[in-house]
Every structure is written in C-alpha cells, then in structure tokens.
N, C-alpha and C. Protein backbone atom coordinates (compact mmCIF):
# COMPACT_ATOMS: atom_id res chain seq x y z
N MET A 1 0.99 -1.16 -0.50
CA MET A 1 0.02 -0.08 -0.27
C MET A 1 0.85 1.45 -0.18
N GLY A 2 1.57 1.45 0.49
CA GLY A 2 2.27 1.90 1.13
C GLY A 2 3.41 2.65 -0.34
N GLN A 3 4.06 1.77 -0.62
CA GLN A 3 4.64 1.16 -2.12
C GLN A 3 3.82 2.25 -3.17
N ALA A 4 2.82 2.44 -3.41
CA ALA A 4 1.82 2.18 -4.15
C ALA A 4 1.25 3.66 -4.31
N LYS A 5 1.00 4.25 -3.14
CA LYS A 5 1.08 5.79 -2.38
C LYS A 5 2.10 6.49 -2.97
N SER A 6 3.60 5.87 -2.62
CA SER A 6 4.70 6.70 -3.19
C SER A 6 5.17 7.06 -4.87
N ARG A 7 4.40 5.77 -4.99
CA ARG A 7 4.72 6.27 -7.41
C ARG A 7 3.73 7.05 -7.31
N GLY A 8 2.31 7.59 -6.74
CA GLY A 8 1.59 8.34 -7.68
C GLY A 8 2.28 9.69 -7.53
N PRO A 9 2.32 10.31 -6.33
CA PRO A 9 3.29 10.93 -7.17
C PRO A 9 4.22 12.12 -7.46
N TYR A 10 5.19 10.67 -7.81
CA TYR A 10 6.01 10.53 -8.99
C TYR A 10 6.04 10.82 -10.30
N ALA A 11 4.18 9.61 -10.26
CA ALA A 11 3.99 9.40 -11.50
C ALA A 11 3.70 10.67 -12.35
N LYS A 12 2.75 11.63 -11.93
CA LYS A 12 2.11 12.78 -12.03
C LYS A 12 2.89 13.78 -11.76
N THR A 13 3.94 13.57 -10.63
CA THR A 13 5.37 14.87 -11.55
C THR A 13 5.66 14.72 -12.26
N ALA A 14 6.15 13.31 -12.84
CA ALA A 14 6.90 12.82 -14.56
C ALA A 14 5.46 12.53 -15.82
N ALA A 15 4.17 12.92 -15.66
CA ALA A 15 3.31 13.30 -16.52
C ALA A 15 3.12 14.50 -16.73
N ARG A 16 3.14 15.47 -15.50
CA ARG A 16 3.48 17.07 -15.83
C ARG A 16 4.97 17.86 -16.70
N GLN A 17 5.96 16.72 -16.08
CA GLN A 17 6.95 17.08 -17.31
C GLN A 17 7.00 16.76 -18.70
N ALA A 18 6.32 16.07 -18.58
CA ALA A 18 6.22 15.50 -19.79
C ALA A 18 5.21 16.77 -20.87
N ASP A 19 4.20 16.91 -20.01
CA ASP A 19 2.97 18.07 -20.58
C ASP A 19 4.04 18.94 -20.93
N ILE A 20 4.84 19.78 -19.88
CA ILE A 20 5.66 21.06 -19.91
C ILE A 20 6.51 20.71 -20.74
N LEU A 21 6.87 19.84 -21.10
CA LEU A 21 8.03 19.73 -22.39
C LEU A 21 7.68 19.25 -24.12
N ARG A 22 6.54 18.51 -24.32
CA ARG A 22 5.43 18.99 -25.23
C ARG A 22 5.53 20.27 -26.09
N ALA A 23 4.63 21.11 -24.71
CA ALA A 23 4.63 22.74 -25.04
C ALA A 23 5.97 23.48 -25.33
N ALA A 24 6.63 22.90 -24.51
CA ALA A 24 8.45 23.90 -25.38
C ALA A 24 8.40 23.43 -26.29
N ARG A 25 8.44 22.01 -26.53
CA ARG A 25 8.78 21.84 -28.15
C ARG A 25 7.66 22.77 -29.15
N ASP A 26 6.73 22.87 -28.78
CA ASP A 26 5.86 23.33 -29.20
C ASP A 26 6.26 24.61 -29.78
N SER A 27 6.26 25.14 -28.75
CA SER A 27 6.36 26.69 -28.32
C SER A 27 7.76 27.16 -29.19
N PHE A 28 9.20 26.51 -28.96
CA PHE A 28 9.99 26.58 -29.77
C PHE A 28 9.65 26.15 -30.96
N ALA A 29 9.36 25.37 -31.91
CA ALA A 29 8.73 25.75 -32.83
C ALA A 29 8.25 26.80 -33.18
N GLU A 30 7.32 27.31 -32.50
CA GLU A 30 6.71 28.36 -33.50
C GLU A 30 7.28 29.60 -33.51
N HIS A 31 7.80 30.16 -31.82
CA HIS A 31 8.51 31.35 -31.81
C HIS A 31 9.76 31.24 -31.99
N GLY A 32 10.76 29.90 -32.38
CA GLY A 32 11.91 30.20 -31.85
C GLY A 32 11.97 30.70 -30.03
N TYR A 33 13.17 30.06 -29.73
CA TYR A 33 13.75 29.98 -28.60
C TYR A 33 14.11 31.28 -27.61
N ALA A 34 14.24 32.05 -28.47
CA ALA A 34 14.34 33.48 -27.89
C ALA A 34 13.69 34.02 -27.96
N GLU A 35 12.22 33.82 -28.78
CA GLU A 35 11.18 34.47 -28.69
C GLU A 35 10.45 34.11 -27.18
N ALA A 36 10.20 32.82 -27.62
CA ALA A 36 9.50 31.98 -26.72
C ALA A 36 9.51 32.06 -25.37
N SER A 37 7.91 31.69 -24.60
CA SER A 37 8.22 32.89 -23.34
C SER A 37 8.15 31.61 -22.31
N LEU A 38 8.31 31.85 -21.22
CA LEU A 38 8.05 30.71 -19.82
C LEU A 38 6.26 30.77 -19.92
N ARG A 39 6.00 32.17 -19.32
CA ARG A 39 4.36 32.25 -19.62
C ARG A 39 3.77 31.02 -20.89
N ASP A 40 4.28 31.40 -21.90
CA ASP A 40 3.52 31.00 -22.91
C ASP A 40 3.15 29.34 -23.15
N ILE A 41 4.19 28.65 -22.35
CA ILE A 41 4.77 27.22 -22.83
C ILE A 41 3.81 26.82 -21.46
N ALA A 42 3.85 27.61 -19.90
CA ALA A 42 3.24 27.87 -19.18
C ALA A 42 0.98 27.19 -19.60
N GLU A 43 1.61 27.94 -20.50
CA GLU A 43 -0.64 28.34 -21.07
C GLU A 43 -0.83 27.55 -21.43
N ARG A 44 0.41 26.67 -22.59
CA ARG A 44 0.14 25.78 -23.42
C ARG A 44 0.09 24.01 -22.90
N ALA A 45 0.67 24.39 -21.34
CA ALA A 45 0.62 22.99 -21.05
C ALA A 45 -0.08 22.90 -19.35
N ASP A 46 -1.26 24.27 -19.57
CA ASP A 46 -2.41 24.22 -18.45
C ASP A 46 -1.76 23.84 -17.43
N ILE A 47 -0.74 24.83 -16.52
CA ILE A 47 -0.19 25.21 -15.87
C ILE A 47 -0.08 26.24 -15.14
N THR A 48 0.27 26.72 -13.88
CA THR A 48 0.27 27.99 -13.83
C THR A 48 1.70 28.61 -13.98
N HIS A 49 2.54 29.50 -14.32
CA HIS A 49 3.76 30.48 -14.67
C HIS A 49 4.88 29.51 -13.21
N ALA A 50 4.12 30.13 -11.76
CA ALA A 50 4.62 29.51 -10.72
C ALA A 50 5.20 27.96 -10.77
N GLY A 51 4.00 27.23 -11.20
CA GLY A 51 4.02 26.18 -11.38
C GLY A 51 4.63 25.14 -12.55
N LEU A 52 5.07 25.99 -13.04
CA LEU A 52 6.21 25.85 -14.04
C LEU A 52 7.47 26.06 -13.72
N LEU A 53 8.24 26.70 -13.02
CA LEU A 53 9.50 26.52 -12.67
C LEU A 53 9.84 26.26 -10.83
N HIS A 54 8.12 25.69 -10.42
CA HIS A 54 8.55 24.12 -9.71
C HIS A 54 9.51 23.19 -10.06
N HIS A 55 9.48 22.69 -11.69
CA HIS A 55 9.61 21.57 -12.47
C HIS A 55 10.92 22.14 -13.14
N PHE A 56 10.48 23.41 -13.88
CA PHE A 56 11.94 23.72 -14.66
C PHE A 56 12.46 25.54 -14.04
N ARG A 57 13.85 25.77 -13.68
CA ARG A 57 13.74 26.97 -13.04
C ARG A 57 14.08 27.80 -14.16
N SER A 58 14.19 28.00 -15.74
CA SER A 58 14.98 28.60 -16.34
C SER A 58 14.16 27.86 -17.83
N LYS A 59 13.95 28.62 -18.64
CA LYS A 59 13.98 28.13 -20.04
C LYS A 59 15.26 27.66 -20.67
N GLU A 60 16.23 28.13 -20.31
CA GLU A 60 17.50 27.18 -20.80
C GLU A 60 17.91 26.39 -20.03
N GLU A 61 17.10 25.24 -18.51
CA GLU A 61 17.56 24.17 -17.95
C GLU A 61 16.11 23.25 -19.35
N LEU A 62 15.15 24.02 -19.70
CA LEU A 62 14.08 23.20 -20.30
C LEU A 62 15.07 23.34 -21.59
N LEU A 63 14.75 23.59 -22.31
CA LEU A 63 15.26 23.11 -23.18
C LEU A 63 16.30 22.37 -23.16
N THR A 64 17.68 22.34 -22.24
CA THR A 64 18.36 21.03 -21.85
C THR A 64 17.33 19.98 -21.79
N ALA A 65 16.74 19.90 -20.87
CA ALA A 65 15.62 18.32 -21.21
C ALA A 65 14.84 18.10 -22.22
N LEU A 66 14.50 18.89 -22.88
CA LEU A 66 14.21 18.52 -23.96
C LEU A 66 14.79 17.70 -24.81
N LEU A 67 16.27 18.16 -24.79
CA LEU A 67 16.90 18.13 -26.14
C LEU A 67 17.35 16.43 -25.17
N ALA A 68 17.84 16.54 -23.81
CA ALA A 68 18.11 15.67 -23.23
C ALA A 68 16.91 14.30 -23.95
N GLN A 69 15.78 14.56 -23.38
CA GLN A 69 14.75 13.76 -23.81
C GLN A 69 15.11 13.07 -25.39
N ARG A 70 14.57 14.49 -26.33
CA ARG A 70 15.42 13.64 -27.61
C ARG A 70 16.18 12.92 -27.67
N ASP A 71 17.37 12.78 -27.20
CA ASP A 71 18.86 11.82 -26.92
C ASP A 71 18.42 10.35 -26.74
N ALA A 72 17.43 10.78 -25.85
CA ALA A 72 17.20 9.29 -25.01
C ALA A 72 16.26 8.49 -25.87
N GLU A 73 15.09 9.10 -27.01
CA GLU A 73 14.42 8.88 -27.58
C GLU A 73 15.38 8.07 -28.94
N GLU A 74 16.40 8.90 -28.97
CA GLU A 74 17.39 8.19 -30.62
C GLU A 74 18.00 7.04 -29.58
N TRP A 75 18.51 7.05 -28.70
CA TRP A 75 19.40 6.00 -28.27
C TRP A 75 18.23 4.76 -27.96
N ARG A 76 17.30 5.37 -28.14
CA ARG A 76 16.61 3.70 -27.39
C ARG A 76 16.37 3.34 -28.76
N GLU A 77 15.99 4.42 -29.74
CA GLU A 77 15.80 3.85 -31.21
C GLU A 77 16.49 3.20 -32.18
N GLY A 78 17.94 3.75 -32.14
CA GLY A 78 19.22 3.22 -32.31
C GLY A 78 19.09 1.96 -31.82
N LYS A 79 19.55 1.83 -30.61
CA LYS A 79 19.25 0.03 -29.81
C LYS A 79 18.34 -1.08 -30.88
N ALA A 80 17.17 -0.94 -30.90
CA ALA A 80 16.32 -1.26 -31.55
C ALA A 80 17.18 -1.29 -33.40
N GLN A 81 16.99 -0.90 -33.44
CA GLN A 81 17.66 -0.61 -34.95
C GLN A 81 19.14 -1.11 -35.22
N VAL A 82 20.01 -1.14 -34.70
CA VAL A 82 21.59 -1.19 -35.44
C VAL A 82 21.52 -3.00 -34.36
N ASP A 83 21.98 -3.29 -35.79
CA ASP A 83 22.57 -5.30 -35.04
C ASP A 83 23.83 -5.27 -34.97
N GLY A 84 24.68 -4.16 -35.71
CA GLY A 84 25.91 -4.26 -35.54
C GLY A 84 27.13 -4.30 -36.75
N ARG A 85 25.84 -4.55 -37.93
CA ARG A 85 26.68 -4.40 -39.47
C ARG A 85 26.51 -2.59 -39.46
N ALA A 86 27.41 -2.53 -40.55
CA ALA A 86 27.60 -1.39 -40.99
C ALA A 86 26.64 -0.36 -41.63
N GLU A 87 25.94 -1.45 -41.91
CA GLU A 87 24.44 -1.23 -42.89
C GLU A 87 23.64 -0.89 -42.06
N SER A 88 23.34 -1.69 -41.39
CA SER A 88 21.94 -0.86 -40.15
C SER A 88 22.53 0.43 -39.56
N MET A 89 23.77 0.00 -39.09
CA MET A 89 24.26 1.86 -38.36
C MET A 89 23.86 2.96 -39.23
N GLY A 90 24.56 3.02 -40.21
CA GLY A 90 24.12 3.53 -41.70
C GLY A 90 22.49 4.19 -41.89
N ARG A 91 21.34 3.59 -41.90
CA ARG A 91 19.95 3.60 -42.10
C ARG A 91 19.82 4.52 -40.79
N TYR A 92 20.17 3.55 -39.64
CA TYR A 92 19.99 4.34 -38.64
C TYR A 92 19.87 6.10 -38.17
N LEU A 93 20.61 5.69 -38.52
CA LEU A 93 22.06 7.44 -38.81
C LEU A 93 21.10 8.26 -40.07
N VAL A 94 21.00 8.20 -40.74
CA VAL A 94 20.10 8.24 -42.18
C VAL A 94 19.25 8.98 -41.69
N GLY A 95 18.25 8.18 -40.55
CA GLY A 95 16.71 8.35 -40.36
C GLY A 95 17.10 9.38 -38.97
N VAL A 96 18.10 9.65 -38.43
CA VAL A 96 18.17 10.55 -37.22
C VAL A 96 18.22 11.71 -37.94
N LEU A 97 19.12 11.88 -39.02
CA LEU A 97 19.39 12.90 -40.06
C LEU A 97 18.42 13.64 -39.94
N LEU A 98 17.42 12.23 -41.21
CA LEU A 98 16.24 13.22 -41.52
C LEU A 98 14.90 13.73 -40.87
N HIS A 99 14.75 13.16 -39.41
CA HIS A 99 14.23 13.25 -38.69
C HIS A 99 14.92 14.15 -37.58
N HIS A 100 15.51 15.13 -38.25
CA HIS A 100 16.00 16.18 -37.82
C HIS A 100 15.91 17.33 -38.61
N GLN A 101 15.51 17.00 -39.65
CA GLN A 101 15.67 17.68 -40.72
C GLN A 101 13.85 18.48 -40.08
N LYS A 102 12.83 17.52 -40.33
CA LYS A 102 11.40 17.74 -39.60
C LYS A 102 11.45 19.19 -38.76
N SER A 103 12.30 19.15 -37.96
CA SER A 103 12.62 20.04 -36.91
C SER A 103 13.47 21.22 -36.93
N PRO A 104 13.74 22.17 -38.00
CA PRO A 104 14.77 22.74 -37.94
C PRO A 104 15.50 23.53 -36.69
N GLU A 105 14.00 24.32 -36.31
CA GLU A 105 14.56 24.86 -35.05
C GLU A 105 15.14 24.35 -34.13
N LEU A 106 14.87 23.29 -33.88
CA LEU A 106 15.62 22.09 -32.81
C LEU A 106 16.73 22.02 -32.56
N MET A 107 16.61 21.77 -34.31
CA MET A 107 18.28 21.16 -34.47
C MET A 107 18.89 22.71 -34.64
N ARG A 108 18.79 23.99 -35.12
CA ARG A 108 19.36 25.26 -34.98
C ARG A 108 20.17 25.49 -33.17
N LEU A 109 18.94 25.07 -32.31
CA LEU A 109 18.90 24.77 -31.53
C LEU A 109 19.67 24.34 -30.51
N TRP A 110 19.85 23.22 -30.82
CA TRP A 110 20.50 21.96 -30.46
C TRP A 110 22.41 22.45 -30.48
N LEU A 111 22.70 22.87 -31.77
CA LEU A 111 23.78 23.25 -32.03
C LEU A 111 24.21 24.52 -31.75
N GLU A 112 23.16 25.28 -31.28
CA GLU A 112 23.49 26.88 -30.42
C GLU A 112 23.61 26.03 -29.36
N LEU A 113 22.74 25.61 -28.44
CA LEU A 113 23.39 25.27 -27.19
C LEU A 113 24.59 24.71 -27.14
N ALA A 114 25.06 23.47 -27.82
CA ALA A 114 26.53 22.66 -27.58
C ALA A 114 27.30 23.84 -27.70
N ALA A 115 27.24 24.55 -28.11
CA ALA A 115 28.51 25.46 -28.80
C ALA A 115 28.90 26.22 -27.62
N ALA A 116 27.88 26.94 -27.10
CA ALA A 116 27.43 27.83 -25.64
C ALA A 116 27.86 27.08 -24.40
N ALA A 117 27.46 25.54 -24.73
CA ALA A 117 27.74 24.69 -23.39
C ALA A 117 29.33 24.52 -23.13
N SER A 118 30.17 24.20 -24.52
CA SER A 118 31.17 24.51 -24.35
C SER A 118 32.35 25.30 -22.90
N ARG A 119 31.77 26.24 -22.81
CA ARG A 119 32.06 27.65 -21.80
C ARG A 119 32.22 26.27 -20.15
N PRO A 120 33.42 26.23 -19.94
CA PRO A 120 32.94 25.41 -18.16
C PRO A 120 31.89 26.26 -17.62
N ASP A 121 31.65 27.35 -17.34
CA ASP A 121 30.56 27.79 -16.64
C ASP A 121 29.35 27.94 -16.65
N HIS A 122 28.42 27.28 -18.47
CA HIS A 122 27.93 27.35 -18.82
C HIS A 122 26.89 25.99 -18.12
N PRO A 123 25.87 26.71 -17.39
CA PRO A 123 24.51 25.48 -16.64
C PRO A 123 24.52 24.35 -18.12
N ALA A 124 24.48 24.28 -19.11
CA ALA A 124 24.60 23.02 -20.01
C ALA A 124 25.91 22.65 -19.67
N HIS A 125 26.78 22.67 -19.37
CA HIS A 125 28.59 21.95 -19.65
C HIS A 125 28.25 20.70 -19.12
N ASN A 126 28.21 20.38 -18.39
CA ASN A 126 28.23 18.97 -18.07
C ASN A 126 27.52 18.21 -18.59
N TYR A 127 26.58 18.61 -18.47
CA TYR A 127 25.57 18.15 -19.91
C TYR A 127 25.45 17.06 -21.28
N PHE A 128 26.33 18.21 -21.50
CA PHE A 128 27.23 18.34 -22.89
C PHE A 128 28.41 17.54 -22.77
N VAL A 129 29.07 17.98 -21.82
CA VAL A 129 30.53 16.25 -21.51
C VAL A 129 29.86 15.08 -21.44
N GLU A 130 29.18 15.20 -20.30
CA GLU A 130 28.96 13.90 -20.21
C GLU A 130 27.53 13.19 -22.05
N ARG A 131 27.66 13.96 -22.22
CA ARG A 131 26.50 13.26 -23.62
C ARG A 131 27.63 13.03 -24.74
N TYR A 132 28.39 13.84 -24.73
CA TYR A 132 29.17 13.77 -25.59
C TYR A 132 30.17 12.24 -25.53
N ASP A 133 30.54 12.00 -24.03
CA ASP A 133 31.45 10.56 -23.84
C ASP A 133 30.87 9.62 -24.10
N ARG A 134 29.46 9.76 -23.59
CA ARG A 134 28.55 8.82 -23.87
C ARG A 134 28.65 7.86 -25.33
N SER A 135 27.98 9.05 -26.14
CA SER A 135 28.10 8.96 -27.71
C SER A 135 28.81 8.03 -28.13
N ARG A 136 29.68 9.19 -27.47
CA ARG A 136 31.72 8.28 -27.98
C ARG A 136 31.64 7.03 -27.29
N GLU A 137 31.43 6.48 -26.32
CA GLU A 137 31.82 5.03 -26.63
C GLU A 137 30.93 4.12 -26.42
N HIS A 138 29.40 4.37 -26.70
CA HIS A 138 28.55 3.65 -27.76
C HIS A 138 29.39 3.39 -29.48
N LEU A 139 29.73 4.51 -29.79
CA LEU A 139 30.26 4.54 -31.15
C LEU A 139 31.54 3.73 -31.06
N VAL A 140 33.22 3.66 -30.08
CA VAL A 140 33.80 3.60 -30.30
C VAL A 140 33.60 1.41 -30.33
N GLN A 141 32.26 1.36 -29.47
CA GLN A 141 32.29 -0.26 -29.10
C GLN A 141 31.52 -0.18 -30.64
N ALA A 142 30.57 0.06 -31.10
CA ALA A 142 30.17 -0.11 -32.47
C ALA A 142 31.37 -0.57 -33.48
N ALA A 143 32.24 0.65 -33.41
CA ALA A 143 33.34 0.47 -34.17
C ALA A 143 34.00 -1.16 -34.16
N ARG A 144 34.51 -1.11 -32.90
CA ARG A 144 35.10 -2.46 -32.43
C ARG A 144 34.40 -3.41 -32.67
N GLU A 145 33.48 -3.44 -33.11
CA GLU A 145 32.56 -5.52 -33.35
C GLU A 145 32.68 -4.59 -34.99
N ARG A 146 32.51 -3.99 -35.42
CA ARG A 146 32.87 -3.72 -37.28
C ARG A 146 33.93 -3.85 -37.73
N GLY A 147 35.28 -3.50 -36.48
CA GLY A 147 36.61 -4.04 -36.78
C GLY A 147 36.69 -5.19 -36.80
N ALA A 148 36.73 -5.53 -35.29
CA ALA A 148 36.60 -7.19 -35.22
C ALA A 148 35.94 -8.09 -36.40
N GLN A 149 35.20 -7.57 -37.42
CA GLN A 149 34.49 -8.14 -38.54
C GLN A 149 35.47 -8.29 -40.06
N GLY A 150 35.98 -6.96 -39.58
CA GLY A 150 36.32 -6.86 -40.88
C GLY A 150 35.78 -5.63 -41.34
N GLN A 151 35.24 -4.35 -41.11
CA GLN A 151 34.03 -4.24 -41.27
C GLN A 151 34.81 -2.75 -41.43
N LEU A 152 35.92 -2.32 -40.37
CA LEU A 152 35.96 -1.21 -40.95
C LEU A 152 37.66 -0.75 -41.48
N ARG A 153 37.57 -0.18 -42.28
CA ARG A 153 38.28 1.08 -43.26
C ARG A 153 40.08 0.33 -42.01
N GLU A 154 41.20 -0.40 -42.88
CA GLU A 154 41.77 -0.43 -42.48
C GLU A 154 43.01 0.66 -42.06
N GLY A 155 43.68 0.25 -41.25
CA GLY A 155 44.35 1.85 -40.49
C GLY A 155 43.57 2.58 -39.54
N LEU A 156 42.38 2.35 -39.19
CA LEU A 156 41.59 3.67 -38.73
C LEU A 156 41.61 3.10 -37.72
N SER A 157 41.46 3.51 -36.25
CA SER A 157 40.75 3.22 -35.30
C SER A 157 39.44 3.07 -35.17
N PRO A 158 38.69 2.65 -34.35
CA PRO A 158 37.61 2.27 -33.09
C PRO A 158 37.30 3.42 -32.84
N GLU A 159 38.78 4.36 -32.09
CA GLU A 159 38.47 5.76 -31.77
C GLU A 159 38.33 7.01 -32.24
N GLN A 160 38.87 6.61 -33.09
CA GLN A 160 39.56 7.61 -34.77
C GLN A 160 37.78 7.81 -35.29
N ALA A 161 37.63 6.49 -35.87
CA ALA A 161 35.76 6.15 -36.59
C ALA A 161 34.76 7.19 -35.46
N ALA A 162 34.87 7.23 -34.31
CA ALA A 162 33.17 7.16 -33.01
C ALA A 162 33.27 8.87 -33.30
N VAL A 163 34.81 9.85 -33.15
CA VAL A 163 34.99 11.62 -33.05
C VAL A 163 35.26 11.67 -34.73
N LEU A 164 34.93 10.96 -35.73
CA LEU A 164 34.27 11.20 -37.40
C LEU A 164 33.04 11.05 -37.44
N TYR A 165 32.75 10.43 -36.60
CA TYR A 165 30.67 10.30 -36.84
C TYR A 165 30.33 11.59 -36.13
N GLN A 166 30.73 11.39 -34.53
CA GLN A 166 30.28 12.74 -34.01
C GLN A 166 30.30 14.49 -35.25
N ALA A 167 31.82 14.39 -35.82
CA ALA A 167 32.18 15.86 -35.89
C ALA A 167 31.23 15.60 -37.80
N VAL A 168 31.51 14.86 -38.46
CA VAL A 168 30.42 14.34 -39.69
C VAL A 168 28.61 14.85 -39.36
N LEU A 169 28.20 14.40 -38.00
CA LEU A 169 26.98 14.55 -37.88
C LEU A 169 27.09 15.89 -37.65
N ASN A 170 27.17 16.32 -36.95
CA ASN A 170 27.63 17.50 -36.12
C ASN A 170 27.43 18.52 -37.67
N GLY A 171 28.20 18.30 -38.04
CA GLY A 171 28.57 19.40 -39.18
C GLY A 171 28.06 19.45 -40.09
N LEU A 172 27.30 18.18 -40.44
CA LEU A 172 26.02 18.54 -42.31
C LEU A 172 25.35 18.62 -41.67
N GLN A 173 24.79 18.61 -40.08
CA GLN A 173 23.67 19.94 -39.57
C GLN A 173 23.52 21.18 -39.74
N MET A 174 24.73 21.42 -39.28
CA MET A 174 25.62 23.29 -39.08
C MET A 174 25.41 23.38 -40.93
N GLN A 175 25.41 22.10 -42.06
CA GLN A 175 25.77 22.91 -43.29
C GLN A 175 24.81 23.03 -43.62
N TRP A 176 23.19 21.99 -43.22
CA TRP A 176 22.56 22.03 -44.16
C TRP A 176 21.27 23.37 -43.53
N LEU A 177 21.92 23.40 -42.39
CA LEU A 177 20.96 24.50 -41.80
C LEU A 177 21.20 25.58 -42.60
N LEU A 178 22.66 26.40 -43.23
CA LEU A 178 22.96 27.57 -43.58
C LEU A 178 22.64 26.83 -45.30
N ASP A 179 22.47 25.67 -45.40
CA ASP A 179 22.23 25.06 -47.21
C ASP A 179 20.54 24.19 -47.44
N PRO A 180 19.64 24.19 -47.05
CA PRO A 180 18.66 23.21 -46.96
C PRO A 180 18.63 22.65 -48.60
N GLN A 181 19.14 23.03 -49.68
CA GLN A 181 19.60 21.97 -50.46
C GLN A 181 20.43 20.53 -50.31
N LEU A 182 21.20 20.65 -49.44
CA LEU A 182 22.10 20.10 -49.51
C LEU A 182 21.93 18.79 -49.00
N ASP A 183 22.30 17.42 -49.60
CA ASP A 183 21.77 16.21 -49.84
C ASP A 183 22.39 15.86 -48.52
N LEU A 184 21.35 14.97 -47.12
CA LEU A 184 22.43 15.27 -46.06
C LEU A 184 22.27 13.39 -46.51
N ALA A 185 21.19 12.77 -46.61
CA ALA A 185 21.57 11.56 -46.69
C ALA A 185 22.34 10.84 -47.35
N ALA A 186 22.61 11.39 -48.60
CA ALA A 186 23.71 11.20 -49.65
C ALA A 186 25.24 11.31 -49.25
N SER A 187 25.45 12.66 -48.08
CA SER A 187 26.36 13.24 -47.76
C SER A 187 27.28 12.37 -46.96
N LEU A 188 25.99 11.90 -45.86
CA LEU A 188 26.54 10.84 -44.78
C LEU A 188 26.96 9.69 -45.60
N ASP A 189 25.93 9.07 -46.64
CA ASP A 189 26.40 7.78 -47.38
C ASP A 189 27.97 7.99 -47.98
N ALA A 190 28.13 8.98 -48.17
CA ALA A 190 29.46 8.61 -48.78
C ALA A 190 30.67 8.77 -47.45
N PHE A 191 30.55 9.70 -47.05
CA PHE A 191 31.58 9.45 -45.27
C PHE A 191 31.32 8.05 -44.80
N LEU A 192 30.00 7.45 -45.05
CA LEU A 192 30.06 5.85 -44.43
C LEU A 192 30.97 4.90 -45.36
N GLY A 193 30.63 5.49 -46.51
CA GLY A 193 31.73 4.97 -47.69
C GLY A 193 33.03 5.05 -47.28
N LEU A 194 33.91 5.93 -46.76
CA LEU A 194 35.05 6.44 -46.62
C LEU A 194 35.06 5.27 -45.73
N ILE A 195 34.69 5.62 -44.52
CA ILE A 195 35.52 4.30 -43.22
C ILE A 195 35.41 3.50 -43.17
N HIS A 196 34.30 2.65 -43.52
CA HIS A 196 33.96 1.15 -43.62
C HIS A 196 35.10 0.29 -44.92
N ALA A 197 35.93 -0.92 -44.58
CA ALA A 197 35.74 -1.58 -45.40
C ALA A 197 35.73 -1.90 -46.60
N PRO A 198 36.35 -1.55 -47.64
CA PRO A 198 35.64 -1.67 -49.23
C PRO A 198 35.35 -2.58 -49.46
N GLY A 199 34.11 -3.00 -50.20
CA GLY A 199 32.91 -4.13 -50.08
C GLY A 199 31.91 -4.81 -49.14
N ASP A 200 32.41 -4.06 -47.71
CA ASP A 200 30.95 -4.25 -46.58
C ASP A 200 29.90 -3.01 -46.81
N ARG A 201 29.74 -2.23 -47.73
CA ARG A 201 28.64 -1.99 -47.49
C ARG A 201 27.62 -2.32 -49.23
C-alpha cells in the first residue's frame, strides 16, 4: 500500500513534466527559442507560471531537458535498429538526420546550445560533456565490433571512427541549416563509404 502511494506523486510529476516538455517543443518550434516565453509554455501546458518554475527553473534548463529527452528517444531507437552491421548503422544515422530535418528550429537550438555549453561555467556544460562521452563510448564499441568483423577501414582505429562520426553528424546539420539544398543522406552515405572496409557496404 505504502509503495503504491509513493509512486502516485512521482507519476504525476513525470506526467506534468512530459506535458511541459511537449508544450516547450511546440512553443520553440512556433516562436523560436529567443522569442518563446515561459508564460506561453505554461499556458500551453495548462499550468501556472509558478508551477512551471517548480519543475524547470529557467528556459535554458527546459531546453536542456527537451534535448536530453530527444537524445534518450534516439538512443532507444538506435539500440532497437542497429544490429552491429555497418548497413544498419548507416540506415539508423540517415534516419536520425532526416528526422532532425523535420524540426529545424530544434536542430539549430541544439547546435547553438552545444557551442555555448563549451564554456565550463555554462549551466549545460556538464550535460554536453557527459553526452559526448556517452555517445563516443557507444560509437567506439560499435566500431570495435565492426573492426573485429573486418568492416572498418584498415588503419582507422575505433576511437578515430567514433570522433569522425560525431564530427560529421554535427557538421552536416550545421551545413544543412546554412544550405537546405544539401543532401544530408547522400553526404552521410559518402562518409560511411570512406570509413567502412571496401566491399562491406
């Protein structure tokens, strides 16, 4: 009985935060991050401004939580879709980029926040450091598995492959924001052809 009661408030808090994050996503997409206001987000989430601040202390904290949520969703999808073969990794990464294209404002905000968070005193600095470390660790492991199967370009270490993956994914998104005519899928496919062993793809 006591355990069931303890889950109640937590479930309500999680549901309320999910409502706020959905409202924030809509507000950021409609108005842009700079113009979106916490009061607008609170109204969309059907909560008071003070109630919103109980869950998220600032707009920046809200944006960080929204991006963390997107990361978590993509990691879950990646684990379900990638089976260790280079081909499945390629399909997944292309899918991620195409999905990001549907929300260019969030893509732009992510890149802007990542750059700003490179400052050690930035509120989101630790989150991005940990995110890149976690992402690199997963990519290194995947590259090691492909290397063991002879699927990685000779002379390229798993650690180098992971760094290149991250650099290309971020760089392609930046270039697409500047030039929406850029074919993200074809560009990423060309990159994958460079780091995978000939004949693997």
